[in-house]
């Protein structure tokens, strides 16, 4: 069965929206999806970028854009109690070794906690309660998520994503191709159906190495 890797961080409302729509890909295309938590801030630091919320004009546009999509798709979304917030503990907990069905339930519960229930998932006690909601040992998971091994695991997952060309969240990787954001679900669907409209020869003609710059942006 074909597998799509879904890279995410809980700080992203775009990642939350995409998460709510993954079941449609699974049902329609007979694929499996492997969710991989990564640190968005790590991507930004690596690529010398800033988050959308740090650019007021982009932040305001993206808010309207995401709310329009949520309305059309019937996806509930509420303003988070804090944003940005520290997602490290939640990401590390979601990366621990336990059954995949429970991992999916935990990820879903944390996403909803942030973007629907307005809970502060930087708080260890909140995370413990969320884990207990789905039948896991919350206190044990919080302790495990604070270990050096858990910290190393999240760091390695983020570094591996960067090595694949991941620059933002959510990102989906299938068959070596990177698809970014919920809006790219349409292109991911075409690729899964063998109808990717991208022509390799067309792409090669656009390689920056073939272009000579006539000016450089001043900094």
C-alpha atoms as a PDB file:
ATOM      1  CA  UNK A   1       0.000   0.000   0.000  1.00  0.00           C
ATOM      2  CA  UNK A   2       1.237   3.510  -0.817  1.00  0.00           C
ATOM      3  CA  UNK A   3       2.325   5.682   2.103  1.00  0.00           C
ATOM      4  CA  UNK A   4       2.168   9.460   2.456  1.00  0.00           C
ATOM      5  CA  UNK A   5       4.241  11.135   5.148  1.00  0.00           C
ATOM      6  CA  UNK A   6       2.401  14.017   6.815  1.00  0.00           C
ATOM      7  CA  UNK A   7       4.685  16.524   8.568  1.00  0.00           C
ATOM      8  CA  UNK A   8       2.979  18.830  11.051  1.00  0.00           C
ATOM      9  CA  UNK A   9       3.228  21.104  14.075  1.00  0.00           C
ATOM     10  CA  UNK A  10       0.291  21.982  16.316  1.00  0.00           C
ATOM     11  CA  UNK A  11       0.977  25.729  16.030  1.00  0.00           C
ATOM     12  CA  UNK A  12      -0.392  25.754  12.469  1.00  0.00           C
ATOM     13  CA  UNK A  13      -4.100  26.180  11.765  1.00  0.00           C
ATOM     14  CA  UNK A  14      -3.345  25.089   8.196  1.00  0.00           C
ATOM     15  CA  UNK A  15      -1.948  21.833   9.574  1.00  0.00           C
ATOM     16  CA  UNK A  16      -5.076  21.370  11.690  1.00  0.00           C
ATOM     17  CA  UNK A  17      -7.322  21.903   8.654  1.00  0.00           C
ATOM     18  CA  UNK A  18      -5.287  19.477   6.556  1.00  0.00           C
ATOM     19  CA  UNK A  19      -5.390  16.920   9.368  1.00  0.00           C
ATOM     20  CA  UNK A  20      -9.197  16.962   9.368  1.00  0.00           C
ATOM     21  CA  UNK A  21      -9.213  16.113   5.653  1.00  0.00           C
ATOM     22  CA  UNK A  22      -6.702  13.253   5.606  1.00  0.00           C
ATOM     23  CA  UNK A  23      -9.429  10.635   5.967  1.00  0.00           C
ATOM     24  CA  UNK A  24     -10.735  11.607   2.511  1.00  0.00           C
ATOM     25  CA  UNK A  25      -7.362  10.804   0.935  1.00  0.00           C
ATOM     26  CA  UNK A  26      -7.247   7.466   2.745  1.00  0.00           C
ATOM     27  CA  UNK A  27     -10.761   6.485   1.698  1.00  0.00           C
ATOM     28  CA  UNK A  28     -10.471   7.589  -1.932  1.00  0.00           C
ATOM     29  CA  UNK A  29      -6.955   6.476  -2.814  1.00  0.00           C
ATOM     30  CA  UNK A  30      -6.262   3.425  -0.630  1.00  0.00           C
ATOM     31  CA  UNK A  31      -3.167   4.950   0.943  1.00  0.00           C
ATOM     32  CA  UNK A  32      -1.687   4.915   4.408  1.00  0.00           C
ATOM     33  CA  UNK A  33      -0.562   8.134   6.070  1.00  0.00           C
ATOM     34  CA  UNK A  34       2.322   8.350   8.511  1.00  0.00           C
ATOM     35  CA  UNK A  35       2.005  11.450  10.702  1.00  0.00           C
ATOM     36  CA  UNK A  36       5.378  12.881  11.752  1.00  0.00           C
ATOM     37  CA  UNK A  37       5.603  15.728  14.287  1.00  0.00           C
ATOM     38  CA  UNK A  38       8.305  18.300  13.527  1.00  0.00           C
ATOM     39  CA  UNK A  39       9.178  21.697  14.972  1.00  0.00           C
ATOM     40  CA  UNK A  40       8.030  24.535  12.720  1.00  0.00           C
ATOM     41  CA  UNK A  41      10.398  26.958  14.444  1.00  0.00           C
ATOM     42  CA  UNK A  42      13.236  24.607  13.519  1.00  0.00           C
ATOM     43  CA  UNK A  43      12.266  24.848   9.857  1.00  0.00           C
ATOM     44  CA  UNK A  44      12.144  28.630  10.044  1.00  0.00           C
ATOM     45  CA  UNK A  45      15.563  28.839  11.670  1.00  0.00           C
ATOM     46  CA  UNK A  46      17.106  26.445   9.165  1.00  0.00           C
ATOM     47  CA  UNK A  47      15.754  28.295   6.145  1.00  0.00           C
ATOM     48  CA  UNK A  48      16.231  31.817   7.564  1.00  0.00           C
ATOM     49  CA  UNK A  49      12.496  32.461   7.335  1.00  0.00           C
ATOM     50  CA  UNK A  50       9.771  33.925   9.556  1.00  0.00           C
ATOM     51  CA  UNK A  51       6.330  32.579  10.331  1.00  0.00           C
ATOM     52  CA  UNK A  52       3.165  33.993   8.706  1.00  0.00           C
ATOM     53  CA  UNK A  53       2.069  35.473  12.027  1.00  0.00           C
ATOM     54  CA  UNK A  54       5.219  37.619  12.026  1.00  0.00           C
ATOM     55  CA  UNK A  55       4.154  39.389   8.826  1.00  0.00           C
ATOM     56  CA  UNK A  56       0.987  41.364   9.680  1.00  0.00           C
ATOM     57  CA  UNK A  57      -0.342  41.656   6.123  1.00  0.00           C
ATOM     58  CA  UNK A  58       0.189  37.929   5.484  1.00  0.00           C
ATOM     59  CA  UNK A  59      -1.258  37.017   8.888  1.00  0.00           C
ATOM     60  CA  UNK A  60      -4.464  38.966   8.249  1.00  0.00           C
ATOM     61  CA  UNK A  61      -4.926  37.489   4.768  1.00  0.00           C
ATOM     62  CA  UNK A  62      -4.240  33.937   5.946  1.00  0.00           C
ATOM     63  CA  UNK A  63      -6.767  34.202   8.768  1.00  0.00           C
ATOM     64  CA  UNK A  64      -9.570  35.101   6.362  1.00  0.00           C
ATOM     65  CA  UNK A  65      -8.380  32.443   3.941  1.00  0.00           C
ATOM     66  CA  UNK A  66      -8.382  29.642   6.517  1.00  0.00           C
ATOM     67  CA  UNK A  67     -11.744  30.655   7.949  1.00  0.00           C
ATOM     68  CA  UNK A  68     -13.295  30.604   4.473  1.00  0.00           C
ATOM     69  CA  UNK A  69     -12.002  27.066   3.942  1.00  0.00           C
ATOM     70  CA  UNK A  70     -13.212  25.906   7.344  1.00  0.00           C
ATOM     71  CA  UNK A  71     -16.681  27.288   6.665  1.00  0.00           C
ATOM     72  CA  UNK A  72     -16.926  25.551   3.288  1.00  0.00           C
ATOM     73  CA  UNK A  73     -15.648  22.249   4.698  1.00  0.00           C
ATOM     74  CA  UNK A  74     -17.675  22.393   7.897  1.00  0.00           C
ATOM     75  CA  UNK A  75     -14.543  22.282  10.067  1.00  0.00           C
ATOM     76  CA  UNK A  76     -14.840  23.965  13.486  1.00  0.00           C
ATOM     77  CA  UNK A  77     -12.078  26.413  14.386  1.00  0.00           C
ATOM     78  CA  UNK A  78     -11.757  28.764  17.349  1.00  0.00           C
ATOM     79  CA  UNK A  79      -9.030  31.297  18.160  1.00  0.00           C
ATOM     80  CA  UNK A  80      -6.399  29.578  20.337  1.00  0.00           C
ATOM     81  CA  UNK A  81      -5.980  30.723  23.912  1.00  0.00           C
ATOM     82  CA  UNK A  82      -2.308  31.590  23.159  1.00  0.00           C
ATOM     83  CA  UNK A  83      -0.518  32.026  19.841  1.00  0.00           C
ATOM     84  CA  UNK A  84       2.256  31.470  19.212  1.00  0.00           C
ATOM     85  CA  UNK A  85       2.810  28.907  21.946  1.00  0.00           C
ATOM     86  CA  UNK A  86       5.492  26.363  22.800  1.00  0.00           C
ATOM     87  CA  UNK A  87       4.516  23.059  21.100  1.00  0.00           C
ATOM     88  CA  UNK A  88       7.609  21.082  22.097  1.00  0.00           C
ATOM     89  CA  UNK A  89       6.107  18.883  24.793  1.00  0.00           C
ATOM     90  CA  UNK A  90       3.040  18.077  22.684  1.00  0.00           C
ATOM     91  CA  UNK A  91       5.207  17.232  19.664  1.00  0.00           C
ATOM     92  CA  UNK A  92       7.524  15.044  21.731  1.00  0.00           C
ATOM     93  CA  UNK A  93       4.602  13.226  23.321  1.00  0.00           C
ATOM     94  CA  UNK A  94       3.108  12.568  19.879  1.00  0.00           C
ATOM     95  CA  UNK A  95       6.432  11.052  18.774  1.00  0.00           C
ATOM     96  CA  UNK A  96       6.628   8.455  21.553  1.00  0.00           C
ATOM     97  CA  UNK A  97       6.451   4.743  20.837  1.00  0.00           C
ATOM     98  CA  UNK A  98       2.880   3.472  21.213  1.00  0.00           C
ATOM     99  CA  UNK A  99       0.248   1.893  18.920  1.00  0.00           C
ATOM    100  CA  UNK A 100      -0.492   3.845  15.741  1.00  0.00           C
ATOM    101  CA  UNK A 101      -4.228   3.965  16.378  1.00  0.00           C
ATOM    102  CA  UNK A 102      -3.551   5.643  19.720  1.00  0.00           C
ATOM    103  CA  UNK A 103      -1.064   8.008  18.084  1.00  0.00           C
ATOM    104  CA  UNK A 104      -3.749   9.123  15.628  1.00  0.00           C
ATOM    105  CA  UNK A 105      -6.225   9.598  18.453  1.00  0.00           C
ATOM    106  CA  UNK A 106      -3.723  11.616  20.479  1.00  0.00           C
ATOM    107  CA  UNK A 107      -2.771  13.853  17.556  1.00  0.00           C
ATOM    108  CA  UNK A 108      -6.430  14.430  16.794  1.00  0.00           C
ATOM    109  CA  UNK A 109      -7.170  15.210  20.437  1.00  0.00           C
ATOM    110  CA  UNK A 110      -4.305  17.723  20.695  1.00  0.00           C
ATOM    111  CA  UNK A 111      -5.225  19.462  17.435  1.00  0.00           C
ATOM    112  CA  UNK A 112      -8.805  19.849  18.650  1.00  0.00           C
ATOM    113  CA  UNK A 113      -7.613  21.025  22.032  1.00  0.00           C
ATOM    114  CA  UNK A 114      -5.720  23.902  20.403  1.00  0.00           C
ATOM    115  CA  UNK A 115      -8.028  24.900  17.551  1.00  0.00           C
ATOM    116  CA  UNK A 116     -11.485  24.011  18.888  1.00  0.00           C
ATOM    117  CA  UNK A 117     -11.452  23.696  22.683  1.00  0.00           C
ATOM    118  CA  UNK A 118      -8.981  26.557  23.300  1.00  0.00           C
ATOM    119  CA  UNK A 119      -6.768  24.603  25.706  1.00  0.00           C
ATOM    120  CA  UNK A 120      -3.133  25.478  26.394  1.00  0.00           C
ATOM    121  CA  UNK A 121      -1.187  22.412  25.295  1.00  0.00           C
ATOM    122  CA  UNK A 122       2.128  23.811  26.520  1.00  0.00           C
ATOM    123  CA  UNK A 123       0.836  22.860  29.977  1.00  0.00           C
ATOM    124  CA  UNK A 124       1.921  19.357  31.030  1.00  0.00           C
ATOM    125  CA  UNK A 125      -1.243  18.816  33.070  1.00  0.00           C
ATOM    126  CA  UNK A 126      -3.425  19.653  30.076  1.00  0.00           C
ATOM    127  CA  UNK A 127      -1.509  17.186  27.901  1.00  0.00           C
ATOM    128  CA  UNK A 128      -1.809  14.485  30.557  1.00  0.00           C
ATOM    129  CA  UNK A 129      -5.602  14.943  30.649  1.00  0.00           C
ATOM    130  CA  UNK A 130      -5.824  14.799  26.858  1.00  0.00           C
ATOM    131  CA  UNK A 131      -3.907  11.517  26.824  1.00  0.00           C
ATOM    132  CA  UNK A 132      -6.155  10.129  29.526  1.00  0.00           C
ATOM    133  CA  UNK A 133      -9.197  11.097  27.446  1.00  0.00           C
ATOM    134  CA  UNK A 134      -8.201   8.391  24.954  1.00  0.00           C
ATOM    135  CA  UNK A 135      -7.209   5.781  27.494  1.00  0.00           C
ATOM    136  CA  UNK A 136      -3.457   6.429  27.773  1.00  0.00           C
ATOM    137  CA  UNK A 137      -1.420   6.960  30.926  1.00  0.00           C
ATOM    138  CA  UNK A 138      -1.080  10.730  30.803  1.00  0.00           C
ATOM    139  CA  UNK A 139       1.461  11.261  33.573  1.00  0.00           C
ATOM    140  CA  UNK A 140       3.726   8.527  32.204  1.00  0.00           C
ATOM    141  CA  UNK A 141       3.616   9.988  28.705  1.00  0.00           C
ATOM    142  CA  UNK A 142       4.434  13.480  29.972  1.00  0.00           C
ATOM    143  CA  UNK A 143       7.451  12.102  31.843  1.00  0.00           C
ATOM    144  CA  UNK A 144       8.602  10.161  28.782  1.00  0.00           C
ATOM    145  CA  UNK A 145       8.145  13.226  26.563  1.00  0.00           C
ATOM    146  CA  UNK A 146      10.512  15.187  28.822  1.00  0.00           C
ATOM    147  CA  UNK A 147      13.334  12.676  28.405  1.00  0.00           C
ATOM    148  CA  UNK A 148      16.488  13.309  26.395  1.00  0.00           C
ATOM    149  CA  UNK A 149      15.505  10.463  24.070  1.00  0.00           C
ATOM    150  CA  UNK A 150      12.210  12.186  23.214  1.00  0.00           C
ATOM    151  CA  UNK A 151      13.983  15.486  22.603  1.00  0.00           C
ATOM    152  CA  UNK A 152      16.470  13.757  20.307  1.00  0.00           C
ATOM    153  CA  UNK A 153      13.690  11.999  18.414  1.00  0.00           C
ATOM    154  CA  UNK A 154      11.856  15.236  17.593  1.00  0.00           C
ATOM    155  CA  UNK A 155      15.100  16.916  16.591  1.00  0.00           C
ATOM    156  CA  UNK A 156      15.967  14.042  14.248  1.00  0.00           C
ATOM    157  CA  UNK A 157      12.478  14.068  12.715  1.00  0.00           C
ATOM    158  CA  UNK A 158      12.807  17.779  12.011  1.00  0.00           C
ATOM    159  CA  UNK A 159      16.272  17.381  10.522  1.00  0.00           C
ATOM    160  CA  UNK A 160      15.098  14.496   8.319  1.00  0.00           C
ATOM    161  CA  UNK A 161      12.212  16.626   7.063  1.00  0.00           C
ATOM    162  CA  UNK A 162      14.599  19.447   6.189  1.00  0.00           C
ATOM    163  CA  UNK A 163      16.794  16.989   4.285  1.00  0.00           C
ATOM    164  CA  UNK A 164      13.746  16.089   2.156  1.00  0.00           C
ATOM    165  CA  UNK A 165      13.163  19.749   1.309  1.00  0.00           C
ATOM    166  CA  UNK A 166      10.396  20.450   3.819  1.00  0.00           C
ATOM    167  CA  UNK A 167      10.218  24.189   4.516  1.00  0.00           C
ATOM    168  CA  UNK A 168       6.737  24.649   6.021  1.00  0.00           C
ATOM    169  CA  UNK A 169       3.803  22.873   7.572  1.00  0.00           C
ATOM    170  CA  UNK A 170       1.830  20.934   6.837  1.00  0.00           C
ATOM    171  CA  UNK A 171       3.898  19.126   4.235  1.00  0.00           C
ATOM    172  CA  UNK A 172       3.069  15.846   2.577  1.00  0.00           C
ATOM    173  CA  UNK A 173       5.728  13.708   0.907  1.00  0.00           C
ATOM    174  CA  UNK A 174       4.789  10.930  -1.465  1.00  0.00           C
ATOM    175  CA  UNK A 175       7.007   9.152  -3.982  1.00  0.00           C
ATOM    176  CA  UNK A 176       9.743  11.740  -3.473  1.00  0.00           C
ATOM    177  CA  UNK A 177       7.438  14.671  -4.224  1.00  0.00           C
ATOM    178  CA  UNK A 178       6.703  17.419  -1.700  1.00  0.00           C
ATOM    179  CA  UNK A 179       3.224  18.937  -1.384  1.00  0.00           C
ATOM    180  CA  UNK A 180       2.695  21.912   0.923  1.00  0.00           C
ATOM    181  CA  UNK A 181      -0.463  22.980   2.731  1.00  0.00           C
ATOM    182  CA  UNK A 182      -4.081  21.969   2.409  1.00  0.00           C
ATOM    183  CA  UNK A 183      -4.316  23.742  -0.946  1.00  0.00           C
ATOM    184  CA  UNK A 184      -1.871  21.214  -2.388  1.00  0.00           C
ATOM    185  CA  UNK A 185      -4.257  18.338  -1.684  1.00  0.00           C
ATOM    186  CA  UNK A 186      -5.599  18.838  -5.204  1.00  0.00           C
ATOM    187  CA  UNK A 187      -2.143  18.293  -6.719  1.00  0.00           C
ATOM    188  CA  UNK A 188      -1.411  15.394  -4.368  1.00  0.00           C
ATOM    189  CA  UNK A 189      -4.648  13.781  -5.526  1.00  0.00           C
ATOM    190  CA  UNK A 190      -3.642  14.152  -9.188  1.00  0.00           C
ATOM    191  CA  UNK A 191      -0.236  12.636  -8.448  1.00  0.00           C
ATOM    192  CA  UNK A 192      -1.835   9.678  -6.677  1.00  0.00           C
ATOM    193  CA  UNK A 193      -4.008   9.156  -9.754  1.00  0.00           C
ATOM    194  CA  UNK A 194      -0.996   9.299 -12.091  1.00  0.00           C
ATOM    195  CA  UNK A 195      -2.141  12.614 -13.560  1.00  0.00           C
ATOM    196  CA  UNK A 196       0.458  15.054 -12.208  1.00  0.00           C
ATOM    197  CA  UNK A 197       0.271  18.041 -14.606  1.00  0.00           C
ATOM    198  CA  UNK A 198       3.926  18.960 -14.025  1.00  0.00           C
ATOM    199  CA  UNK A 199       6.077  18.217 -17.068  1.00  0.00           C
ATOM    200  CA  UNK A 200       9.716  17.381 -16.294  1.00  0.00           C
ATOM    201  CA  UNK A 201      11.011  19.179 -19.387  1.00  0.00           C
ATOM    202  CA  UNK A 202       9.031  22.256 -18.425  1.00  0.00           C
ATOM    203  CA  UNK A 203      10.465  22.132 -14.906  1.00  0.00           C
ATOM    204  CA  UNK A 204      14.034  21.790 -16.136  1.00  0.00           C
ATOM    205  CA  UNK A 205      13.692  24.922 -18.265  1.00  0.00           C
ATOM    206  CA  UNK A 206      12.879  26.877 -15.105  1.00  0.00           C
ATOM    207  CA  UNK A 207      15.923  25.839 -13.070  1.00  0.00           C
ATOM    208  CA  UNK A 208      17.491  28.941 -11.500  1.00  0.00           C
ATOM    209  CA  UNK A 209      20.961  27.702 -12.428  1.00  0.00           C
ATOM    210  CA  UNK A 210      20.050  28.386 -16.060  1.00  0.00           C
ATOM    211  CA  UNK A 211      19.137  32.023 -15.327  1.00  0.00           C
ATOM    212  CA  UNK A 212      21.549  34.936 -15.004  1.00  0.00           C
ATOM    213  CA  UNK A 213      20.387  37.587 -12.561  1.00  0.00           C
ATOM    214  CA  UNK A 214      20.286  41.154 -13.849  1.00  0.00           C
ATOM    215  CA  UNK A 215      19.875  42.607 -10.353  1.00  0.00           C
ATOM    216  CA  UNK A 216      20.088  41.581  -6.714  1.00  0.00           C
ATOM    217  CA  UNK A 217      17.720  42.700  -3.963  1.00  0.00           C
ATOM    218  CA  UNK A 218      19.471  45.030  -1.575  1.00  0.00           C
ATOM    219  CA  UNK A 219      19.356  44.095   2.098  1.00  0.00           C
END
